[in-house]
C-alpha cells in the first residue's frame, strides 16, 4: 500500500494428485478471515504451456536433459552434504534425443516415473538443491483445473520462480523453508 503496489494470491498447483478446489477455497477463506484481500488470484497451472516451452528452451541450450533413472537412483546420485553427487548416465544425451524424449513425455507415451526432466547444473554444488534438480515429471492424473490435458507437471521449484517472473513479481513472501531454493529460482530466471 505504501508504494502503490499490488499483491497476488497464487496457488502453485503443480502436483495433480494432491490438488483440490476445497483446499483453495479453504485457504482463500482463511486469508480473508485474517483481514487480507488480494488483487489477483492466479495459479501456476495457468502457465503450464509457458513452463513447458521454457523446458524445451533449456534442453535446446544444453541446460537440461531427460533422465531415465528410477527415483531411488536419482536420490542416491545426489550425494550427501559432505560428498558430491554423481552424474546421471543420461546426462550427456544429445539435444535431439532429449527433445524427442521430452516431447514424447508430453504426448503421454511413457508411464509415471519412466523419465524426468532435470536441470544440468553441478552435481558437486554445495547447495544440494542445485545438483541437477528435477524440473518436470510424468503424472497420468487429472488436474483439478486443467483436466487431462497434461501428463507432465512442473515441480514446485521449477514453477515458482518462473511464475514470479511471468507475473513481474518483485517480492515474494515465503517462509524460511524456501531460503535454499532461491539459488534454483535465480538460475532458472
C-alpha atoms as a PDB file:
ATOM      1  CA  UNK A   1       0.000   0.000   0.000  1.00  0.00           C
ATOM      2  CA  UNK A   2       2.787   2.400   0.913  1.00  0.00           C
ATOM      3  CA  UNK A   3       4.337   2.175  -2.569  1.00  0.00           C
ATOM      4  CA  UNK A   4       1.155   1.636  -4.598  1.00  0.00           C
ATOM      5  CA  UNK A   5       1.934  -1.988  -5.317  1.00  0.00           C
ATOM      6  CA  UNK A   6      -0.419  -4.884  -5.744  1.00  0.00           C
ATOM      7  CA  UNK A   7      -0.454  -8.295  -4.118  1.00  0.00           C
ATOM      8  CA  UNK A   8      -1.341 -11.515  -5.903  1.00  0.00           C
ATOM      9  CA  UNK A   9      -2.505 -14.727  -4.356  1.00  0.00           C
ATOM     10  CA  UNK A  10      -1.036 -17.536  -6.425  1.00  0.00           C
ATOM     11  CA  UNK A  11      -1.662 -21.212  -5.920  1.00  0.00           C
ATOM     12  CA  UNK A  12       1.312 -23.284  -7.012  1.00  0.00           C
ATOM     13  CA  UNK A  13      -0.877 -26.174  -8.115  1.00  0.00           C
ATOM     14  CA  UNK A  14       1.855 -28.334  -9.629  1.00  0.00           C
ATOM     15  CA  UNK A  15       1.040 -31.714  -8.082  1.00  0.00           C
ATOM     16  CA  UNK A  16      -2.209 -33.044  -9.557  1.00  0.00           C
ATOM     17  CA  UNK A  17      -2.514 -35.878  -7.060  1.00  0.00           C
ATOM     18  CA  UNK A  18      -2.741 -33.506  -4.065  1.00  0.00           C
ATOM     19  CA  UNK A  19      -4.643 -30.532  -5.505  1.00  0.00           C
ATOM     20  CA  UNK A  20      -8.331 -29.925  -4.863  1.00  0.00           C
ATOM     21  CA  UNK A  21     -10.586 -26.859  -5.068  1.00  0.00           C
ATOM     22  CA  UNK A  22     -11.721 -27.440  -1.485  1.00  0.00           C
ATOM     23  CA  UNK A  23      -8.180 -26.591  -0.308  1.00  0.00           C
ATOM     24  CA  UNK A  24      -8.096 -23.487  -2.499  1.00  0.00           C
ATOM     25  CA  UNK A  25     -11.422 -22.290  -1.120  1.00  0.00           C
ATOM     26  CA  UNK A  26     -10.347 -23.046   2.466  1.00  0.00           C
ATOM     27  CA  UNK A  27      -7.122 -21.050   2.052  1.00  0.00           C
ATOM     28  CA  UNK A  28      -8.953 -18.117   0.492  1.00  0.00           C
ATOM     29  CA  UNK A  29     -11.457 -18.189   3.361  1.00  0.00           C
ATOM     30  CA  UNK A  30      -8.688 -18.218   5.977  1.00  0.00           C
ATOM     31  CA  UNK A  31      -6.778 -15.372   4.307  1.00  0.00           C
ATOM     32  CA  UNK A  32      -9.915 -13.246   4.219  1.00  0.00           C
ATOM     33  CA  UNK A  33     -10.606 -14.183   7.850  1.00  0.00           C
ATOM     34  CA  UNK A  34      -7.186 -12.752   8.681  1.00  0.00           C
ATOM     35  CA  UNK A  35      -8.383  -9.474   7.155  1.00  0.00           C
ATOM     36  CA  UNK A  36      -6.464  -9.533   3.881  1.00  0.00           C
ATOM     37  CA  UNK A  37      -7.713  -9.169   0.321  1.00  0.00           C
ATOM     38  CA  UNK A  38      -5.532  -9.770  -2.741  1.00  0.00           C
ATOM     39  CA  UNK A  39      -5.527  -8.031  -6.113  1.00  0.00           C
ATOM     40  CA  UNK A  40      -5.276 -11.029  -8.454  1.00  0.00           C
ATOM     41  CA  UNK A  41      -5.943 -14.725  -7.944  1.00  0.00           C
ATOM     42  CA  UNK A  42      -3.529 -16.744 -10.033  1.00  0.00           C
ATOM     43  CA  UNK A  43      -2.484 -20.368 -10.492  1.00  0.00           C
ATOM     44  CA  UNK A  44       0.777 -21.939 -11.630  1.00  0.00           C
ATOM     45  CA  UNK A  45      -1.341 -24.190 -13.851  1.00  0.00           C
ATOM     46  CA  UNK A  46      -2.186 -21.088 -15.921  1.00  0.00           C
ATOM     47  CA  UNK A  47       1.468 -21.164 -17.029  1.00  0.00           C
ATOM     48  CA  UNK A  48       1.905 -24.872 -17.823  1.00  0.00           C
ATOM     49  CA  UNK A  49       2.313 -24.165 -21.546  1.00  0.00           C
ATOM     50  CA  UNK A  50       4.911 -21.429 -20.951  1.00  0.00           C
ATOM     51  CA  UNK A  51       6.748 -23.604 -18.435  1.00  0.00           C
ATOM     52  CA  UNK A  52       6.866 -26.435 -20.952  1.00  0.00           C
ATOM     53  CA  UNK A  53       8.251 -24.013 -23.555  1.00  0.00           C
ATOM     54  CA  UNK A  54      10.925 -22.965 -21.041  1.00  0.00           C
ATOM     55  CA  UNK A  55      11.744 -26.654 -20.550  1.00  0.00           C
ATOM     56  CA  UNK A  56      12.309 -27.104 -24.283  1.00  0.00           C
ATOM     57  CA  UNK A  57      14.418 -23.946 -24.353  1.00  0.00           C
ATOM     58  CA  UNK A  58      16.615 -25.275 -21.531  1.00  0.00           C
ATOM     59  CA  UNK A  59      17.098 -28.538 -23.444  1.00  0.00           C
ATOM     60  CA  UNK A  60      17.986 -26.681 -26.664  1.00  0.00           C
ATOM     61  CA  UNK A  61      20.551 -24.620 -24.721  1.00  0.00           C
ATOM     62  CA  UNK A  62      22.091 -27.781 -23.236  1.00  0.00           C
ATOM     63  CA  UNK A  63      20.953 -26.760 -19.735  1.00  0.00           C
ATOM     64  CA  UNK A  64      18.505 -29.637 -19.154  1.00  0.00           C
ATOM     65  CA  UNK A  65      18.240 -33.328 -20.001  1.00  0.00           C
ATOM     66  CA  UNK A  66      15.806 -36.219 -19.749  1.00  0.00           C
ATOM     67  CA  UNK A  67      16.859 -38.698 -17.091  1.00  0.00           C
ATOM     68  CA  UNK A  68      15.557 -42.255 -17.247  1.00  0.00           C
ATOM     69  CA  UNK A  69      16.828 -43.442 -13.878  1.00  0.00           C
ATOM     70  CA  UNK A  70      14.489 -44.538 -11.117  1.00  0.00           C
ATOM     71  CA  UNK A  71      13.615 -42.103  -8.355  1.00  0.00           C
ATOM     72  CA  UNK A  72      15.794 -44.157  -5.992  1.00  0.00           C
ATOM     73  CA  UNK A  73      18.831 -43.998  -8.330  1.00  0.00           C
ATOM     74  CA  UNK A  74      18.409 -40.246  -8.767  1.00  0.00           C
ATOM     75  CA  UNK A  75      18.257 -39.793  -4.992  1.00  0.00           C
ATOM     76  CA  UNK A  76      21.372 -41.953  -4.494  1.00  0.00           C
ATOM     77  CA  UNK A  77      23.222 -39.991  -7.188  1.00  0.00           C
ATOM     78  CA  UNK A  78      22.666 -36.659  -5.428  1.00  0.00           C
ATOM     79  CA  UNK A  79      25.348 -37.451  -2.849  1.00  0.00           C
ATOM     80  CA  UNK A  80      25.235 -36.078   0.666  1.00  0.00           C
ATOM     81  CA  UNK A  81      26.009 -32.766   2.332  1.00  0.00           C
ATOM     82  CA  UNK A  82      29.623 -33.924   2.649  1.00  0.00           C
ATOM     83  CA  UNK A  83      30.084 -35.879  -0.611  1.00  0.00           C
ATOM     84  CA  UNK A  84      29.373 -34.705  -4.144  1.00  0.00           C
ATOM     85  CA  UNK A  85      26.803 -36.406  -6.321  1.00  0.00           C
ATOM     86  CA  UNK A  86      27.497 -38.392  -9.456  1.00  0.00           C
ATOM     87  CA  UNK A  87      26.358 -37.581 -12.957  1.00  0.00           C
ATOM     88  CA  UNK A  88      23.430 -39.492 -14.382  1.00  0.00           C
ATOM     89  CA  UNK A  89      24.354 -41.903 -17.176  1.00  0.00           C
ATOM     90  CA  UNK A  90      21.804 -39.955 -19.269  1.00  0.00           C
ATOM     91  CA  UNK A  91      23.278 -36.507 -18.586  1.00  0.00           C
ATOM     92  CA  UNK A  92      25.104 -36.324 -21.910  1.00  0.00           C
ATOM     93  CA  UNK A  93      22.270 -37.304 -24.239  1.00  0.00           C
ATOM     94  CA  UNK A  94      22.165 -35.169 -27.349  1.00  0.00           C
ATOM     95  CA  UNK A  95      19.834 -32.188 -27.577  1.00  0.00           C
ATOM     96  CA  UNK A  96      17.877 -34.020 -30.293  1.00  0.00           C
ATOM     97  CA  UNK A  97      17.402 -37.141 -28.177  1.00  0.00           C
ATOM     98  CA  UNK A  98      16.375 -35.069 -25.145  1.00  0.00           C
ATOM     99  CA  UNK A  99      13.852 -33.072 -27.176  1.00  0.00           C
ATOM    100  CA  UNK A 100      12.416 -36.256 -28.667  1.00  0.00           C
ATOM    101  CA  UNK A 101      12.011 -37.852 -25.235  1.00  0.00           C
ATOM    102  CA  UNK A 102      10.587 -34.666 -23.700  1.00  0.00           C
ATOM    103  CA  UNK A 103       8.001 -34.320 -26.465  1.00  0.00           C
ATOM    104  CA  UNK A 104       7.056 -37.965 -26.132  1.00  0.00           C
ATOM    105  CA  UNK A 105       6.727 -37.480 -22.350  1.00  0.00           C
ATOM    106  CA  UNK A 106       4.290 -34.648 -23.002  1.00  0.00           C
ATOM    107  CA  UNK A 107       2.388 -36.758 -25.541  1.00  0.00           C
ATOM    108  CA  UNK A 108       1.765 -39.363 -22.839  1.00  0.00           C
ATOM    109  CA  UNK A 109       3.847 -42.185 -24.334  1.00  0.00           C
ATOM    110  CA  UNK A 110       5.543 -43.159 -21.074  1.00  0.00           C
ATOM    111  CA  UNK A 111       4.257 -44.343 -17.694  1.00  0.00           C
ATOM    112  CA  UNK A 112       4.699 -42.384 -14.490  1.00  0.00           C
ATOM    113  CA  UNK A 113       8.298 -42.363 -13.331  1.00  0.00           C
ATOM    114  CA  UNK A 114       9.795 -43.570 -16.628  1.00  0.00           C
ATOM    115  CA  UNK A 115      11.556 -40.243 -17.239  1.00  0.00           C
ATOM    116  CA  UNK A 116      12.022 -36.821 -15.652  1.00  0.00           C
ATOM    117  CA  UNK A 117      13.467 -33.606 -16.954  1.00  0.00           C
ATOM    118  CA  UNK A 118      16.414 -32.364 -14.910  1.00  0.00           C
ATOM    119  CA  UNK A 119      18.389 -29.137 -14.993  1.00  0.00           C
ATOM    120  CA  UNK A 120      22.047 -29.638 -15.879  1.00  0.00           C
ATOM    121  CA  UNK A 121      23.850 -27.621 -13.205  1.00  0.00           C
ATOM    122  CA  UNK A 122      26.530 -29.145 -10.949  1.00  0.00           C
ATOM    123  CA  UNK A 123      26.446 -32.489  -9.129  1.00  0.00           C
ATOM    124  CA  UNK A 124      29.081 -31.201  -6.656  1.00  0.00           C
ATOM    125  CA  UNK A 125      27.261 -27.951  -5.826  1.00  0.00           C
ATOM    126  CA  UNK A 126      27.328 -27.222  -2.068  1.00  0.00           C
ATOM    127  CA  UNK A 127      23.582 -26.479  -2.190  1.00  0.00           C
ATOM    128  CA  UNK A 128      22.117 -29.929  -2.825  1.00  0.00           C
ATOM    129  CA  UNK A 129      19.059 -28.369  -4.456  1.00  0.00           C
ATOM    130  CA  UNK A 130      21.353 -27.324  -7.321  1.00  0.00           C
ATOM    131  CA  UNK A 131      22.522 -30.875  -8.041  1.00  0.00           C
ATOM    132  CA  UNK A 132      20.667 -31.341 -11.319  1.00  0.00           C
ATOM    133  CA  UNK A 133      17.209 -30.702  -9.828  1.00  0.00           C
ATOM    134  CA  UNK A 134      14.081 -32.231 -11.314  1.00  0.00           C
ATOM    135  CA  UNK A 135      12.005 -29.832 -13.391  1.00  0.00           C
ATOM    136  CA  UNK A 136       9.194 -31.917 -14.952  1.00  0.00           C
ATOM    137  CA  UNK A 137       7.742 -35.328 -14.095  1.00  0.00           C
ATOM    138  CA  UNK A 138       5.197 -37.632 -15.668  1.00  0.00           C
ATOM    139  CA  UNK A 139       1.887 -37.994 -13.797  1.00  0.00           C
ATOM    140  CA  UNK A 140      -1.113 -39.553 -15.529  1.00  0.00           C
ATOM    141  CA  UNK A 141      -3.516 -37.943 -13.075  1.00  0.00           C
ATOM    142  CA  UNK A 142      -6.212 -35.403 -13.937  1.00  0.00           C
ATOM    143  CA  UNK A 143      -5.539 -31.875 -12.686  1.00  0.00           C
ATOM    144  CA  UNK A 144      -8.359 -30.188 -10.775  1.00  0.00           C
ATOM    145  CA  UNK A 145      -8.220 -27.157 -13.095  1.00  0.00           C
ATOM    146  CA  UNK A 146      -6.676 -28.500 -16.310  1.00  0.00           C
ATOM    147  CA  UNK A 147      -8.392 -31.863 -16.517  1.00  0.00           C
ATOM    148  CA  UNK A 148      -6.467 -34.453 -18.526  1.00  0.00           C
ATOM    149  CA  UNK A 149      -4.745 -32.048 -20.932  1.00  0.00           C
ATOM    150  CA  UNK A 150      -1.379 -32.515 -19.175  1.00  0.00           C
ATOM    151  CA  UNK A 151       0.612 -35.520 -18.077  1.00  0.00           C
ATOM    152  CA  UNK A 152       3.954 -33.765 -17.498  1.00  0.00           C
ATOM    153  CA  UNK A 153       3.855 -31.496 -14.497  1.00  0.00           C
ATOM    154  CA  UNK A 154       6.427 -28.961 -13.326  1.00  0.00           C
ATOM    155  CA  UNK A 155       7.927 -29.406  -9.911  1.00  0.00           C
ATOM    156  CA  UNK A 156       7.331 -26.579  -7.473  1.00  0.00           C
ATOM    157  CA  UNK A 157      10.896 -25.232  -7.680  1.00  0.00           C
ATOM    158  CA  UNK A 158      10.630 -25.053 -11.477  1.00  0.00           C
ATOM    159  CA  UNK A 159       7.238 -23.336 -11.446  1.00  0.00           C
ATOM    160  CA  UNK A 160       7.555 -20.908  -8.537  1.00  0.00           C
ATOM    161  CA  UNK A 161      10.391 -18.606  -9.608  1.00  0.00           C
ATOM    162  CA  UNK A 162       9.373 -18.648 -13.265  1.00  0.00           C
ATOM    163  CA  UNK A 163       5.737 -17.895 -12.354  1.00  0.00           C
ATOM    164  CA  UNK A 164       7.024 -14.887 -10.393  1.00  0.00           C
ATOM    165  CA  UNK A 165       8.989 -13.793 -13.471  1.00  0.00           C
ATOM    166  CA  UNK A 166       5.995 -14.248 -15.798  1.00  0.00           C
ATOM    167  CA  UNK A 167       3.868 -12.124 -13.457  1.00  0.00           C
ATOM    168  CA  UNK A 168       6.548  -9.444 -12.975  1.00  0.00           C
ATOM    169  CA  UNK A 169       6.730 -10.097  -9.243  1.00  0.00           C
ATOM    170  CA  UNK A 170       9.326  -8.020  -7.404  1.00  0.00           C
ATOM    171  CA  UNK A 171       8.816  -9.507  -3.915  1.00  0.00           C
ATOM    172  CA  UNK A 172       7.677 -12.976  -2.933  1.00  0.00           C
ATOM    173  CA  UNK A 173       6.571 -13.713   0.615  1.00  0.00           C
ATOM    174  CA  UNK A 174       7.802 -17.172   1.590  1.00  0.00           C
ATOM    175  CA  UNK A 175       8.746 -18.904   4.782  1.00  0.00           C
ATOM    176  CA  UNK A 176      12.414 -19.503   5.610  1.00  0.00           C
ATOM    177  CA  UNK A 177      11.982 -23.090   4.402  1.00  0.00           C
ATOM    178  CA  UNK A 178      12.460 -21.681   0.900  1.00  0.00           C
ATOM    179  CA  UNK A 179      15.754 -19.858   1.607  1.00  0.00           C
ATOM    180  CA  UNK A 180      17.892 -22.569  -0.025  1.00  0.00           C
ATOM    181  CA  UNK A 181      15.656 -22.730  -3.108  1.00  0.00           C
ATOM    182  CA  UNK A 182      16.477 -19.135  -4.014  1.00  0.00           C
ATOM    183  CA  UNK A 183      19.522 -20.438  -5.935  1.00  0.00           C
ATOM    184  CA  UNK A 184      17.394 -22.518  -8.317  1.00  0.00           C
ATOM    185  CA  UNK A 185      14.912 -19.653  -8.831  1.00  0.00           C
ATOM    186  CA  UNK A 186      17.751 -17.311  -9.787  1.00  0.00           C
ATOM    187  CA  UNK A 187      19.391 -19.934 -12.045  1.00  0.00           C
ATOM    188  CA  UNK A 188      16.148 -20.581 -13.925  1.00  0.00           C
ATOM    189  CA  UNK A 189      15.265 -16.928 -14.397  1.00  0.00           C
END
